[in-house]
């Protein structure tokens, strides 16, 4: 089995690993596409303490059923699938409430428990699989995990319909938030960032106004605005503060980006004084099918966000570029093309 393995010395390519074995109640998936998430990068950099090397990262996955356990029904070898990476015990209070992502005996493949999609194979329960629609690529399928998380956050906003929304961070999450805000009925979406190329992509994907806050004039224009919904998708503490400052009284702030910094960035008096609602999301188990349908119907465009579909042989170099700050794209997805 081929895999990119995170080690103490960095990420290394290995090609002779033993594939994981599935039991009678599990499914072995041959991964075809695995997204590179900022969470993965922050783990390698030591900013997030979710797992320790050696580890096979990658929680954004799509692939093909390789083998099913004897007790598995409804799936067969060759089925194209999207993988929900969150595994759980199925019996605790959180699982019974439909919140398996909060299960203390579970975790996320590639992040906190079990190897992920940077390897060629993963083992999952059949309940973690969703059919990849005909016409949707494996690359798009790998983008369903970040879509699921961002969609879960937007789904919790009390009043998105007709809202003036702002999104901080034109990265993959921010670009999804901008599209989802429109799908959920926002009247205008303003996207804020520092990279003109990404901001232009945001405009093509539906943002009504883009603001480069490196420009003093644009920064001043932004400071004079107020928003019903302010979404933080960059992980920047400065952006967090901007969200609370620019949120209109009675509005909603969505916190999504992780900074990995152990210091407060929220002024609680501001939250109370402006009567703000604060929401976030790390997983939305009930929204996978809806996200897949929105993408298949063309309402959400993830294809144009993937600037770097990377063959496995080139993936180590691309990851090193990301780690060293030399990557100039928006989203990289690793492709496993070998049988």
C-alpha atoms as a PDB file:
ATOM      1  CA  UNK A   1       0.000   0.000   0.000  1.00  0.00           C
ATOM      2  CA  UNK A   2       1.243   3.488  -0.824  1.00  0.00           C
ATOM      3  CA  UNK A   3       0.907   6.239   1.757  1.00  0.00           C
ATOM      4  CA  UNK A   4       2.250   9.593   2.837  1.00  0.00           C
ATOM      5  CA  UNK A   5       3.281   9.093   6.459  1.00  0.00           C
ATOM      6  CA  UNK A   6       3.740  11.933   8.906  1.00  0.00           C
ATOM      7  CA  UNK A   7       6.867  11.259  10.940  1.00  0.00           C
ATOM      8  CA  UNK A   8       9.006  13.219  13.392  1.00  0.00           C
ATOM      9  CA  UNK A   9      11.223  14.235  10.488  1.00  0.00           C
ATOM     10  CA  UNK A  10       8.339  15.360   8.261  1.00  0.00           C
ATOM     11  CA  UNK A  11       6.079  13.692   5.690  1.00  0.00           C
ATOM     12  CA  UNK A  12       7.593  10.712   3.876  1.00  0.00           C
ATOM     13  CA  UNK A  13       6.381   8.549   0.998  1.00  0.00           C
ATOM     14  CA  UNK A  14       6.119   4.816   1.705  1.00  0.00           C
ATOM     15  CA  UNK A  15       5.029   2.197  -0.828  1.00  0.00           C
ATOM     16  CA  UNK A  16       5.224  -1.189   0.900  1.00  0.00           C
ATOM     17  CA  UNK A  17       2.869  -0.770   3.857  1.00  0.00           C
ATOM     18  CA  UNK A  18       0.425  -3.504   4.773  1.00  0.00           C
ATOM     19  CA  UNK A  19      -3.178  -2.535   3.916  1.00  0.00           C
ATOM     20  CA  UNK A  20      -5.562  -2.441   6.901  1.00  0.00           C
ATOM     21  CA  UNK A  21      -7.873  -5.434   7.373  1.00  0.00           C
ATOM     22  CA  UNK A  22     -11.632  -5.066   7.748  1.00  0.00           C
ATOM     23  CA  UNK A  23     -13.709  -7.278  10.017  1.00  0.00           C
ATOM     24  CA  UNK A  24     -17.099  -8.822   9.222  1.00  0.00           C
ATOM     25  CA  UNK A  25     -18.933  -5.564  10.012  1.00  0.00           C
ATOM     26  CA  UNK A  26     -16.595  -3.183   8.160  1.00  0.00           C
ATOM     27  CA  UNK A  27     -15.797  -2.090   4.618  1.00  0.00           C
ATOM     28  CA  UNK A  28     -12.356  -1.697   3.052  1.00  0.00           C
ATOM     29  CA  UNK A  29     -12.209   1.412   0.852  1.00  0.00           C
ATOM     30  CA  UNK A  30      -9.610   2.069  -1.837  1.00  0.00           C
ATOM     31  CA  UNK A  31      -9.112   5.820  -1.597  1.00  0.00           C
ATOM     32  CA  UNK A  32      -9.076   7.626  -4.924  1.00  0.00           C
ATOM     33  CA  UNK A  33      -8.932  11.237  -3.705  1.00  0.00           C
ATOM     34  CA  UNK A  34      -7.965  12.813  -0.383  1.00  0.00           C
ATOM     35  CA  UNK A  35      -8.101  16.527   0.358  1.00  0.00           C
ATOM     36  CA  UNK A  36      -5.256  18.355   2.088  1.00  0.00           C
ATOM     37  CA  UNK A  37      -6.840  20.272   4.959  1.00  0.00           C
ATOM     38  CA  UNK A  38      -5.335  23.102   6.991  1.00  0.00           C
ATOM     39  CA  UNK A  39      -5.967  20.911  10.035  1.00  0.00           C
ATOM     40  CA  UNK A  40      -3.510  18.367   8.610  1.00  0.00           C
ATOM     41  CA  UNK A  41      -0.899  21.084   8.122  1.00  0.00           C
ATOM     42  CA  UNK A  42      -1.408  22.467  11.622  1.00  0.00           C
ATOM     43  CA  UNK A  43      -0.989  18.957  13.077  1.00  0.00           C
ATOM     44  CA  UNK A  44       2.323  18.508  11.263  1.00  0.00           C
ATOM     45  CA  UNK A  45       3.442  21.943  12.448  1.00  0.00           C
ATOM     46  CA  UNK A  46       2.546  21.105  16.048  1.00  0.00           C
ATOM     47  CA  UNK A  47      -0.190  23.743  16.297  1.00  0.00           C
ATOM     48  CA  UNK A  48      -2.944  21.177  16.910  1.00  0.00           C
ATOM     49  CA  UNK A  49      -2.385  18.259  19.267  1.00  0.00           C
ATOM     50  CA  UNK A  50      -4.780  15.670  17.832  1.00  0.00           C
ATOM     51  CA  UNK A  51      -2.388  12.789  17.109  1.00  0.00           C
ATOM     52  CA  UNK A  52       1.298  11.930  17.216  1.00  0.00           C
ATOM     53  CA  UNK A  53       3.582  10.684  14.429  1.00  0.00           C
ATOM     54  CA  UNK A  54       3.962   8.231  12.852  1.00  0.00           C
ATOM     55  CA  UNK A  55       0.489   8.853  11.451  1.00  0.00           C
ATOM     56  CA  UNK A  56      -1.360   8.691   8.148  1.00  0.00           C
ATOM     57  CA  UNK A  57      -3.343  11.907   7.853  1.00  0.00           C
ATOM     58  CA  UNK A  58      -6.294  12.777   5.613  1.00  0.00           C
ATOM     59  CA  UNK A  59      -9.946  13.008   6.680  1.00  0.00           C
ATOM     60  CA  UNK A  60     -11.419  14.275   3.370  1.00  0.00           C
ATOM     61  CA  UNK A  61     -11.923  11.163   1.256  1.00  0.00           C
ATOM     62  CA  UNK A  62     -13.718   9.560  -1.664  1.00  0.00           C
ATOM     63  CA  UNK A  63     -13.010   6.198  -3.240  1.00  0.00           C
ATOM     64  CA  UNK A  64     -14.255   2.769  -4.214  1.00  0.00           C
ATOM     65  CA  UNK A  65     -15.425  -0.198  -2.140  1.00  0.00           C
ATOM     66  CA  UNK A  66     -12.648  -2.778  -2.303  1.00  0.00           C
ATOM     67  CA  UNK A  67     -14.062  -5.434   0.003  1.00  0.00           C
ATOM     68  CA  UNK A  68     -17.038  -5.841   2.338  1.00  0.00           C
ATOM     69  CA  UNK A  69     -17.292  -7.827   5.546  1.00  0.00           C
ATOM     70  CA  UNK A  70     -19.502 -10.905   5.692  1.00  0.00           C
ATOM     71  CA  UNK A  71     -22.196  -9.102   7.694  1.00  0.00           C
ATOM     72  CA  UNK A  72     -22.281  -5.951   5.540  1.00  0.00           C
ATOM     73  CA  UNK A  73     -25.367  -5.421   3.397  1.00  0.00           C
ATOM     74  CA  UNK A  74     -26.125  -2.773   0.769  1.00  0.00           C
ATOM     75  CA  UNK A  75     -22.580  -2.309  -0.527  1.00  0.00           C
ATOM     76  CA  UNK A  76     -20.484  -4.228  -3.014  1.00  0.00           C
ATOM     77  CA  UNK A  77     -17.010  -4.075  -4.483  1.00  0.00           C
ATOM     78  CA  UNK A  78     -16.730  -1.317  -7.063  1.00  0.00           C
ATOM     79  CA  UNK A  79     -19.282   1.071  -5.529  1.00  0.00           C
ATOM     80  CA  UNK A  80     -18.069   4.675  -5.690  1.00  0.00           C
ATOM     81  CA  UNK A  81     -18.402   6.356  -2.301  1.00  0.00           C
ATOM     82  CA  UNK A  82     -17.881   9.463  -0.216  1.00  0.00           C
ATOM     83  CA  UNK A  83     -16.452   8.696   3.234  1.00  0.00           C
ATOM     84  CA  UNK A  84     -17.665  10.289   6.459  1.00  0.00           C
ATOM     85  CA  UNK A  85     -14.477  10.047   8.569  1.00  0.00           C
ATOM     86  CA  UNK A  86     -16.180  10.361  11.972  1.00  0.00           C
ATOM     87  CA  UNK A  87     -16.435   7.002  13.727  1.00  0.00           C
ATOM     88  CA  UNK A  88     -18.215   6.409  17.027  1.00  0.00           C
ATOM     89  CA  UNK A  89     -19.377   3.767  19.499  1.00  0.00           C
ATOM     90  CA  UNK A  90     -23.031   4.040  18.467  1.00  0.00           C
ATOM     91  CA  UNK A  91     -24.296   3.505  22.025  1.00  0.00           C
ATOM     92  CA  UNK A  92     -23.504   6.572  24.133  1.00  0.00           C
ATOM     93  CA  UNK A  93     -25.826   9.497  24.794  1.00  0.00           C
ATOM     94  CA  UNK A  94     -24.220  11.623  22.078  1.00  0.00           C
ATOM     95  CA  UNK A  95     -24.542   8.872  19.478  1.00  0.00           C
ATOM     96  CA  UNK A  96     -28.184   8.323  20.409  1.00  0.00           C
ATOM     97  CA  UNK A  97     -28.800  12.058  19.941  1.00  0.00           C
ATOM     98  CA  UNK A  98     -27.334  11.989  16.432  1.00  0.00           C
ATOM     99  CA  UNK A  99     -24.140  13.749  17.585  1.00  0.00           C
ATOM    100  CA  UNK A 100     -21.641  10.982  16.958  1.00  0.00           C
ATOM    101  CA  UNK A 101     -18.864  13.551  16.413  1.00  0.00           C
ATOM    102  CA  UNK A 102     -18.987  14.220  20.178  1.00  0.00           C
ATOM    103  CA  UNK A 103     -18.620  10.539  21.133  1.00  0.00           C
ATOM    104  CA  UNK A 104     -15.781  10.173  23.655  1.00  0.00           C
ATOM    105  CA  UNK A 105     -15.014   6.659  22.407  1.00  0.00           C
ATOM    106  CA  UNK A 106     -14.904   7.683  18.761  1.00  0.00           C
ATOM    107  CA  UNK A 107     -12.887  10.087  16.668  1.00  0.00           C
ATOM    108  CA  UNK A 108     -11.992  11.049  13.135  1.00  0.00           C
ATOM    109  CA  UNK A 109     -10.058   8.922  10.680  1.00  0.00           C
ATOM    110  CA  UNK A 110      -6.792  10.592   9.796  1.00  0.00           C
ATOM    111  CA  UNK A 111      -7.057  13.068  12.664  1.00  0.00           C
ATOM    112  CA  UNK A 112      -7.601  11.389  16.022  1.00  0.00           C
ATOM    113  CA  UNK A 113      -8.179   7.669  15.399  1.00  0.00           C
ATOM    114  CA  UNK A 114      -7.355   5.308  12.547  1.00  0.00           C
ATOM    115  CA  UNK A 115      -5.332   5.965   9.422  1.00  0.00           C
ATOM    116  CA  UNK A 116      -6.651   8.413   6.852  1.00  0.00           C
ATOM    117  CA  UNK A 117      -6.807   9.095   3.149  1.00  0.00           C
ATOM    118  CA  UNK A 118      -3.137   9.943   2.635  1.00  0.00           C
ATOM    119  CA  UNK A 119      -2.922   6.157   2.533  1.00  0.00           C
ATOM    120  CA  UNK A 120      -4.321   4.057  -0.283  1.00  0.00           C
ATOM    121  CA  UNK A 121      -6.822   2.134   1.871  1.00  0.00           C
ATOM    122  CA  UNK A 122      -9.050   2.886   4.867  1.00  0.00           C
ATOM    123  CA  UNK A 123     -11.470   0.767   6.877  1.00  0.00           C
ATOM    124  CA  UNK A 124     -14.861   2.223   7.812  1.00  0.00           C
ATOM    125  CA  UNK A 125     -18.265   1.104   9.075  1.00  0.00           C
ATOM    126  CA  UNK A 126     -20.826   0.877   6.246  1.00  0.00           C
ATOM    127  CA  UNK A 127     -22.884   3.597   7.952  1.00  0.00           C
ATOM    128  CA  UNK A 128     -20.062   6.045   7.140  1.00  0.00           C
ATOM    129  CA  UNK A 129     -20.480   5.676   3.385  1.00  0.00           C
ATOM    130  CA  UNK A 130     -22.517   7.753   0.942  1.00  0.00           C
ATOM    131  CA  UNK A 131     -22.917   6.974  -2.728  1.00  0.00           C
ATOM    132  CA  UNK A 132     -20.975   9.186  -5.112  1.00  0.00           C
ATOM    133  CA  UNK A 133     -23.501  10.305  -7.755  1.00  0.00           C
ATOM    134  CA  UNK A 134     -22.848   9.508 -11.396  1.00  0.00           C
ATOM    135  CA  UNK A 135     -21.064  12.421 -12.978  1.00  0.00           C
ATOM    136  CA  UNK A 136     -19.429  13.595  -9.735  1.00  0.00           C
ATOM    137  CA  UNK A 137     -15.661  13.099  -9.651  1.00  0.00           C
ATOM    138  CA  UNK A 138     -13.679  11.588  -6.799  1.00  0.00           C
ATOM    139  CA  UNK A 139     -12.041  14.995  -6.328  1.00  0.00           C
ATOM    140  CA  UNK A 140     -15.465  16.555  -5.785  1.00  0.00           C
ATOM    141  CA  UNK A 141     -16.357  13.659  -3.502  1.00  0.00           C
ATOM    142  CA  UNK A 142     -13.346  14.403  -1.296  1.00  0.00           C
ATOM    143  CA  UNK A 143     -14.650  17.960  -0.904  1.00  0.00           C
ATOM    144  CA  UNK A 144     -17.887  16.741   0.692  1.00  0.00           C
ATOM    145  CA  UNK A 145     -16.289  16.601   4.155  1.00  0.00           C
ATOM    146  CA  UNK A 146     -15.397  20.321   4.324  1.00  0.00           C
ATOM    147  CA  UNK A 147     -18.772  21.071   2.736  1.00  0.00           C
ATOM    148  CA  UNK A 148     -20.487  19.038   5.458  1.00  0.00           C
ATOM    149  CA  UNK A 149     -18.778  20.948   8.272  1.00  0.00           C
ATOM    150  CA  UNK A 150     -19.370  24.409   6.808  1.00  0.00           C
ATOM    151  CA  UNK A 151     -22.936  23.531   5.907  1.00  0.00           C
ATOM    152  CA  UNK A 152     -23.535  22.425   9.490  1.00  0.00           C
ATOM    153  CA  UNK A 153     -22.478  25.854  10.734  1.00  0.00           C
ATOM    154  CA  UNK A 154     -24.652  27.750   8.247  1.00  0.00           C
ATOM    155  CA  UNK A 155     -27.581  25.469   9.070  1.00  0.00           C
ATOM    156  CA  UNK A 156     -27.392  26.716  12.674  1.00  0.00           C
ATOM    157  CA  UNK A 157     -27.629  30.415  11.769  1.00  0.00           C
ATOM    158  CA  UNK A 158     -31.069  31.538  12.998  1.00  0.00           C
ATOM    159  CA  UNK A 159     -31.831  33.941  10.120  1.00  0.00           C
ATOM    160  CA  UNK A 160     -29.724  33.706   6.983  1.00  0.00           C
ATOM    161  CA  UNK A 161     -32.585  34.449   4.585  1.00  0.00           C
ATOM    162  CA  UNK A 162     -32.318  38.069   3.485  1.00  0.00           C
ATOM    163  CA  UNK A 163     -29.198  38.675   5.579  1.00  0.00           C
ATOM    164  CA  UNK A 164     -26.167  40.777   4.760  1.00  0.00           C
ATOM    165  CA  UNK A 165     -23.316  38.332   5.386  1.00  0.00           C
ATOM    166  CA  UNK A 166     -19.544  38.735   5.545  1.00  0.00           C
ATOM    167  CA  UNK A 167     -16.999  35.924   5.252  1.00  0.00           C
ATOM    168  CA  UNK A 168     -13.447  36.373   6.513  1.00  0.00           C
ATOM    169  CA  UNK A 169     -10.925  34.164   4.705  1.00  0.00           C
ATOM    170  CA  UNK A 170     -11.135  33.263   0.991  1.00  0.00           C
ATOM    171  CA  UNK A 171      -9.657  29.803   1.531  1.00  0.00           C
ATOM    172  CA  UNK A 172     -11.577  26.576   0.869  1.00  0.00           C
ATOM    173  CA  UNK A 173     -13.833  26.954   3.935  1.00  0.00           C
ATOM    174  CA  UNK A 174     -14.554  30.609   3.230  1.00  0.00           C
ATOM    175  CA  UNK A 175     -15.376  29.893  -0.406  1.00  0.00           C
ATOM    176  CA  UNK A 176     -17.825  27.216   0.714  1.00  0.00           C
ATOM    177  CA  UNK A 177     -19.356  29.564   3.292  1.00  0.00           C
ATOM    178  CA  UNK A 178     -19.877  32.257   0.652  1.00  0.00           C
ATOM    179  CA  UNK A 179     -21.740  29.828  -1.587  1.00  0.00           C
ATOM    180  CA  UNK A 180     -23.745  28.316   1.264  1.00  0.00           C
ATOM    181  CA  UNK A 181     -24.808  31.741   2.521  1.00  0.00           C
ATOM    182  CA  UNK A 182     -26.362  32.384  -0.896  1.00  0.00           C
ATOM    183  CA  UNK A 183     -27.983  28.927  -1.002  1.00  0.00           C
ATOM    184  CA  UNK A 184     -29.518  29.619   2.426  1.00  0.00           C
ATOM    185  CA  UNK A 185     -30.913  32.946   1.208  1.00  0.00           C
ATOM    186  CA  UNK A 186     -28.452  35.713   2.092  1.00  0.00           C
ATOM    187  CA  UNK A 187     -29.200  38.846   0.095  1.00  0.00           C
ATOM    188  CA  UNK A 188     -25.537  39.917  -0.086  1.00  0.00           C
ATOM    189  CA  UNK A 189     -22.221  38.243   0.690  1.00  0.00           C
ATOM    190  CA  UNK A 190     -19.019  40.205   1.262  1.00  0.00           C
ATOM    191  CA  UNK A 191     -15.738  38.269   1.229  1.00  0.00           C
ATOM    192  CA  UNK A 192     -12.704  39.604   3.080  1.00  0.00           C
ATOM    193  CA  UNK A 193      -9.107  38.514   2.643  1.00  0.00           C
ATOM    194  CA  UNK A 194      -5.582  39.404   1.603  1.00  0.00           C
ATOM    195  CA  UNK A 195      -5.083  37.369  -1.565  1.00  0.00           C
ATOM    196  CA  UNK A 196      -6.509  39.004  -4.705  1.00  0.00           C
ATOM    197  CA  UNK A 197      -6.535  35.767  -6.692  1.00  0.00           C
ATOM    198  CA  UNK A 198      -8.577  33.961  -4.053  1.00  0.00           C
ATOM    199  CA  UNK A 199     -10.862  36.950  -3.646  1.00  0.00           C
ATOM    200  CA  UNK A 200     -11.533  36.954  -7.386  1.00  0.00           C
ATOM    201  CA  UNK A 201     -12.384  33.255  -7.165  1.00  0.00           C
ATOM    202  CA  UNK A 202     -14.791  34.141  -4.378  1.00  0.00           C
ATOM    203  CA  UNK A 203     -16.441  36.667  -6.657  1.00  0.00           C
ATOM    204  CA  UNK A 204     -16.794  34.085  -9.433  1.00  0.00           C
ATOM    205  CA  UNK A 205     -18.385  31.711  -6.941  1.00  0.00           C
ATOM    206  CA  UNK A 206     -21.024  34.234  -5.895  1.00  0.00           C
ATOM    207  CA  UNK A 207     -19.631  36.865  -3.507  1.00  0.00           C
ATOM    208  CA  UNK A 208     -21.217  40.247  -4.246  1.00  0.00           C
ATOM    209  CA  UNK A 209     -18.316  42.287  -2.893  1.00  0.00           C
ATOM    210  CA  UNK A 210     -14.691  41.402  -2.125  1.00  0.00           C
ATOM    211  CA  UNK A 211     -12.472  43.406   0.206  1.00  0.00           C
ATOM    212  CA  UNK A 212      -8.689  43.191   0.405  1.00  0.00           C
ATOM    213  CA  UNK A 213      -7.950  44.455   3.899  1.00  0.00           C
ATOM    214  CA  UNK A 214      -4.344  45.184   2.959  1.00  0.00           C
ATOM    215  CA  UNK A 215      -5.780  48.234   1.199  1.00  0.00           C
ATOM    216  CA  UNK A 216      -6.369  51.121   3.665  1.00  0.00           C
ATOM    217  CA  UNK A 217      -9.256  52.410   1.548  1.00  0.00           C
ATOM    218  CA  UNK A 218     -10.989  49.037   1.424  1.00  0.00           C
ATOM    219  CA  UNK A 219     -10.330  48.489   5.121  1.00  0.00           C
ATOM    220  CA  UNK A 220     -12.008  51.796   5.950  1.00  0.00           C
ATOM    221  CA  UNK A 221     -14.999  50.949   3.776  1.00  0.00           C
ATOM    222  CA  UNK A 222     -15.337  47.617   5.597  1.00  0.00           C
ATOM    223  CA  UNK A 223     -15.175  49.259   9.021  1.00  0.00           C
ATOM    224  CA  UNK A 224     -18.163  51.427   8.104  1.00  0.00           C
ATOM    225  CA  UNK A 225     -20.325  48.385   7.324  1.00  0.00           C
ATOM    226  CA  UNK A 226     -22.420  46.153   9.602  1.00  0.00           C
ATOM    227  CA  UNK A 227     -23.550  42.599   8.926  1.00  0.00           C
ATOM    228  CA  UNK A 228     -26.379  40.368  10.096  1.00  0.00           C
ATOM    229  CA  UNK A 229     -24.107  37.327   9.841  1.00  0.00           C
ATOM    230  CA  UNK A 230     -20.317  37.448  10.253  1.00  0.00           C
ATOM    231  CA  UNK A 231     -18.390  34.249   9.431  1.00  0.00           C
ATOM    232  CA  UNK A 232     -14.784  33.635  10.506  1.00  0.00           C
ATOM    233  CA  UNK A 233     -13.133  31.025   8.263  1.00  0.00           C
ATOM    234  CA  UNK A 234      -9.477  32.033   8.353  1.00  0.00           C
ATOM    235  CA  UNK A 235      -8.273  31.064  11.818  1.00  0.00           C
ATOM    236  CA  UNK A 236      -6.949  34.596  12.366  1.00  0.00           C
ATOM    237  CA  UNK A 237      -7.521  36.122  15.839  1.00  0.00           C
ATOM    238  CA  UNK A 238      -7.734  39.530  14.142  1.00  0.00           C
ATOM    239  CA  UNK A 239     -10.541  38.238  11.925  1.00  0.00           C
ATOM    240  CA  UNK A 240     -12.357  36.893  14.985  1.00  0.00           C
ATOM    241  CA  UNK A 241     -12.267  40.344  16.556  1.00  0.00           C
ATOM    242  CA  UNK A 242     -13.444  41.907  13.283  1.00  0.00           C
ATOM    243  CA  UNK A 243     -16.413  39.535  13.141  1.00  0.00           C
ATOM    244  CA  UNK A 244     -17.664  40.603  16.564  1.00  0.00           C
ATOM    245  CA  UNK A 245     -16.999  44.262  15.829  1.00  0.00           C
ATOM    246  CA  UNK A 246     -18.774  44.240  12.465  1.00  0.00           C
ATOM    247  CA  UNK A 247     -21.718  42.061  13.479  1.00  0.00           C
ATOM    248  CA  UNK A 248     -24.889  44.115  13.790  1.00  0.00           C
ATOM    249  CA  UNK A 249     -26.691  44.114  17.137  1.00  0.00           C
ATOM    250  CA  UNK A 250     -28.843  41.006  17.334  1.00  0.00           C
ATOM    251  CA  UNK A 251     -26.757  39.345  14.615  1.00  0.00           C
ATOM    252  CA  UNK A 252     -24.914  36.037  14.429  1.00  0.00           C
ATOM    253  CA  UNK A 253     -21.204  35.259  14.454  1.00  0.00           C
ATOM    254  CA  UNK A 254     -20.042  31.945  12.993  1.00  0.00           C
ATOM    255  CA  UNK A 255     -16.694  30.741  14.354  1.00  0.00           C
ATOM    256  CA  UNK A 256     -15.051  28.085  12.208  1.00  0.00           C
ATOM    257  CA  UNK A 257     -11.318  28.682  11.709  1.00  0.00           C
ATOM    258  CA  UNK A 258      -8.816  27.263  14.216  1.00  0.00           C
ATOM    259  CA  UNK A 259      -5.757  29.319  15.062  1.00  0.00           C
ATOM    260  CA  UNK A 260      -3.990  26.880  17.384  1.00  0.00           C
ATOM    261  CA  UNK A 261      -3.167  29.861  19.618  1.00  0.00           C
ATOM    262  CA  UNK A 262      -3.840  29.547  23.322  1.00  0.00           C
ATOM    263  CA  UNK A 263      -5.106  33.045  23.951  1.00  0.00           C
ATOM    264  CA  UNK A 264      -8.591  34.582  24.032  1.00  0.00           C
ATOM    265  CA  UNK A 265      -9.846  36.550  21.053  1.00  0.00           C
ATOM    266  CA  UNK A 266     -13.461  37.174  22.089  1.00  0.00           C
ATOM    267  CA  UNK A 267     -14.652  40.115  24.189  1.00  0.00           C
ATOM    268  CA  UNK A 268     -17.559  38.642  26.117  1.00  0.00           C
ATOM    269  CA  UNK A 269     -19.006  42.059  27.018  1.00  0.00           C
ATOM    270  CA  UNK A 270     -19.341  42.749  23.286  1.00  0.00           C
ATOM    271  CA  UNK A 271     -21.270  39.507  22.793  1.00  0.00           C
ATOM    272  CA  UNK A 272     -23.656  40.303  25.627  1.00  0.00           C
ATOM    273  CA  UNK A 273     -23.952  44.011  24.901  1.00  0.00           C
ATOM    274  CA  UNK A 274     -24.849  43.450  21.244  1.00  0.00           C
ATOM    275  CA  UNK A 275     -27.051  40.419  22.038  1.00  0.00           C
ATOM    276  CA  UNK A 276     -25.133  38.273  19.539  1.00  0.00           C
ATOM    277  CA  UNK A 277     -25.699  34.630  18.697  1.00  0.00           C
ATOM    278  CA  UNK A 278     -22.512  32.569  18.304  1.00  0.00           C
ATOM    279  CA  UNK A 279     -22.528  29.284  16.397  1.00  0.00           C
ATOM    280  CA  UNK A 280     -19.930  26.852  15.104  1.00  0.00           C
ATOM    281  CA  UNK A 281     -19.710  23.300  13.783  1.00  0.00           C
ATOM    282  CA  UNK A 282     -17.151  20.492  13.573  1.00  0.00           C
ATOM    283  CA  UNK A 283     -19.418  17.939  11.902  1.00  0.00           C
ATOM    284  CA  UNK A 284     -23.023  17.628  10.758  1.00  0.00           C
ATOM    285  CA  UNK A 285     -23.942  13.918  10.525  1.00  0.00           C
ATOM    286  CA  UNK A 286     -27.463  14.678   9.274  1.00  0.00           C
ATOM    287  CA  UNK A 287     -26.393  16.853   6.318  1.00  0.00           C
ATOM    288  CA  UNK A 288     -24.162  14.620   4.198  1.00  0.00           C
ATOM    289  CA  UNK A 289     -26.820  13.678   1.667  1.00  0.00           C
ATOM    290  CA  UNK A 290     -28.006  17.278   1.307  1.00  0.00           C
ATOM    291  CA  UNK A 291     -24.482  18.501   0.654  1.00  0.00           C
ATOM    292  CA  UNK A 292     -23.893  15.837  -1.973  1.00  0.00           C
ATOM    293  CA  UNK A 293     -27.195  16.740  -3.685  1.00  0.00           C
ATOM    294  CA  UNK A 294     -26.387  20.457  -3.689  1.00  0.00           C
ATOM    295  CA  UNK A 295     -23.062  19.717  -5.371  1.00  0.00           C
ATOM    296  CA  UNK A 296     -24.510  17.254  -7.870  1.00  0.00           C
ATOM    297  CA  UNK A 297     -27.189  19.800  -8.820  1.00  0.00           C
ATOM    298  CA  UNK A 298     -24.620  22.545  -9.412  1.00  0.00           C
ATOM    299  CA  UNK A 299     -25.846  24.769  -6.552  1.00  0.00           C
ATOM    300  CA  UNK A 300     -22.441  24.380  -4.858  1.00  0.00           C
ATOM    301  CA  UNK A 301     -19.263  24.481  -6.946  1.00  0.00           C
ATOM    302  CA  UNK A 302     -16.336  22.649  -5.354  1.00  0.00           C
ATOM    303  CA  UNK A 303     -14.610  21.743  -8.608  1.00  0.00           C
ATOM    304  CA  UNK A 304     -13.239  25.236  -9.270  1.00  0.00           C
ATOM    305  CA  UNK A 305     -11.880  25.452  -5.726  1.00  0.00           C
ATOM    306  CA  UNK A 306      -9.452  22.569  -6.297  1.00  0.00           C
ATOM    307  CA  UNK A 307      -6.532  24.305  -7.972  1.00  0.00           C
ATOM    308  CA  UNK A 308      -4.125  21.398  -7.471  1.00  0.00           C
ATOM    309  CA  UNK A 309      -5.334  17.819  -8.114  1.00  0.00           C
ATOM    310  CA  UNK A 310      -2.012  16.162  -7.249  1.00  0.00           C
ATOM    311  CA  UNK A 311      -0.902  12.681  -8.405  1.00  0.00           C
ATOM    312  CA  UNK A 312       0.399  10.682  -5.454  1.00  0.00           C
ATOM    313  CA  UNK A 313       3.945  10.672  -6.826  1.00  0.00           C
ATOM    314  CA  UNK A 314       4.005  14.485  -6.554  1.00  0.00           C
ATOM    315  CA  UNK A 315       2.125  14.809  -3.276  1.00  0.00           C
ATOM    316  CA  UNK A 316       5.104  14.851  -0.917  1.00  0.00           C
ATOM    317  CA  UNK A 317       6.585  17.814  -2.761  1.00  0.00           C
ATOM    318  CA  UNK A 318       3.294  19.723  -2.712  1.00  0.00           C
ATOM    319  CA  UNK A 319       2.875  19.102   1.021  1.00  0.00           C
ATOM    320  CA  UNK A 320       6.384  20.395   1.637  1.00  0.00           C
ATOM    321  CA  UNK A 321       5.550  23.505  -0.406  1.00  0.00           C
ATOM    322  CA  UNK A 322       2.472  24.076   1.763  1.00  0.00           C
ATOM    323  CA  UNK A 323       4.461  23.580   4.968  1.00  0.00           C
ATOM    324  CA  UNK A 324       7.114  26.040   3.806  1.00  0.00           C
ATOM    325  CA  UNK A 325       4.612  28.649   2.666  1.00  0.00           C
ATOM    326  CA  UNK A 326       5.430  28.236  -1.024  1.00  0.00           C
ATOM    327  CA  UNK A 327       2.033  26.930  -2.118  1.00  0.00           C
ATOM    328  CA  UNK A 328       0.094  29.496  -4.132  1.00  0.00           C
ATOM    329  CA  UNK A 329      -3.071  27.565  -4.880  1.00  0.00           C
ATOM    330  CA  UNK A 330      -6.394  27.358  -3.075  1.00  0.00           C
ATOM    331  CA  UNK A 331      -6.897  23.637  -2.494  1.00  0.00           C
ATOM    332  CA  UNK A 332      -4.792  20.522  -3.080  1.00  0.00           C
ATOM    333  CA  UNK A 333      -6.294  17.040  -3.397  1.00  0.00           C
ATOM    334  CA  UNK A 334      -4.103  13.936  -3.477  1.00  0.00           C
ATOM    335  CA  UNK A 335      -4.977  11.367  -6.140  1.00  0.00           C
ATOM    336  CA  UNK A 336      -4.387   7.644  -5.626  1.00  0.00           C
ATOM    337  CA  UNK A 337      -4.621   6.208  -9.126  1.00  0.00           C
ATOM    338  CA  UNK A 338      -3.001   2.824  -8.646  1.00  0.00           C
ATOM    339  CA  UNK A 339      -5.150  -0.290  -8.296  1.00  0.00           C
END
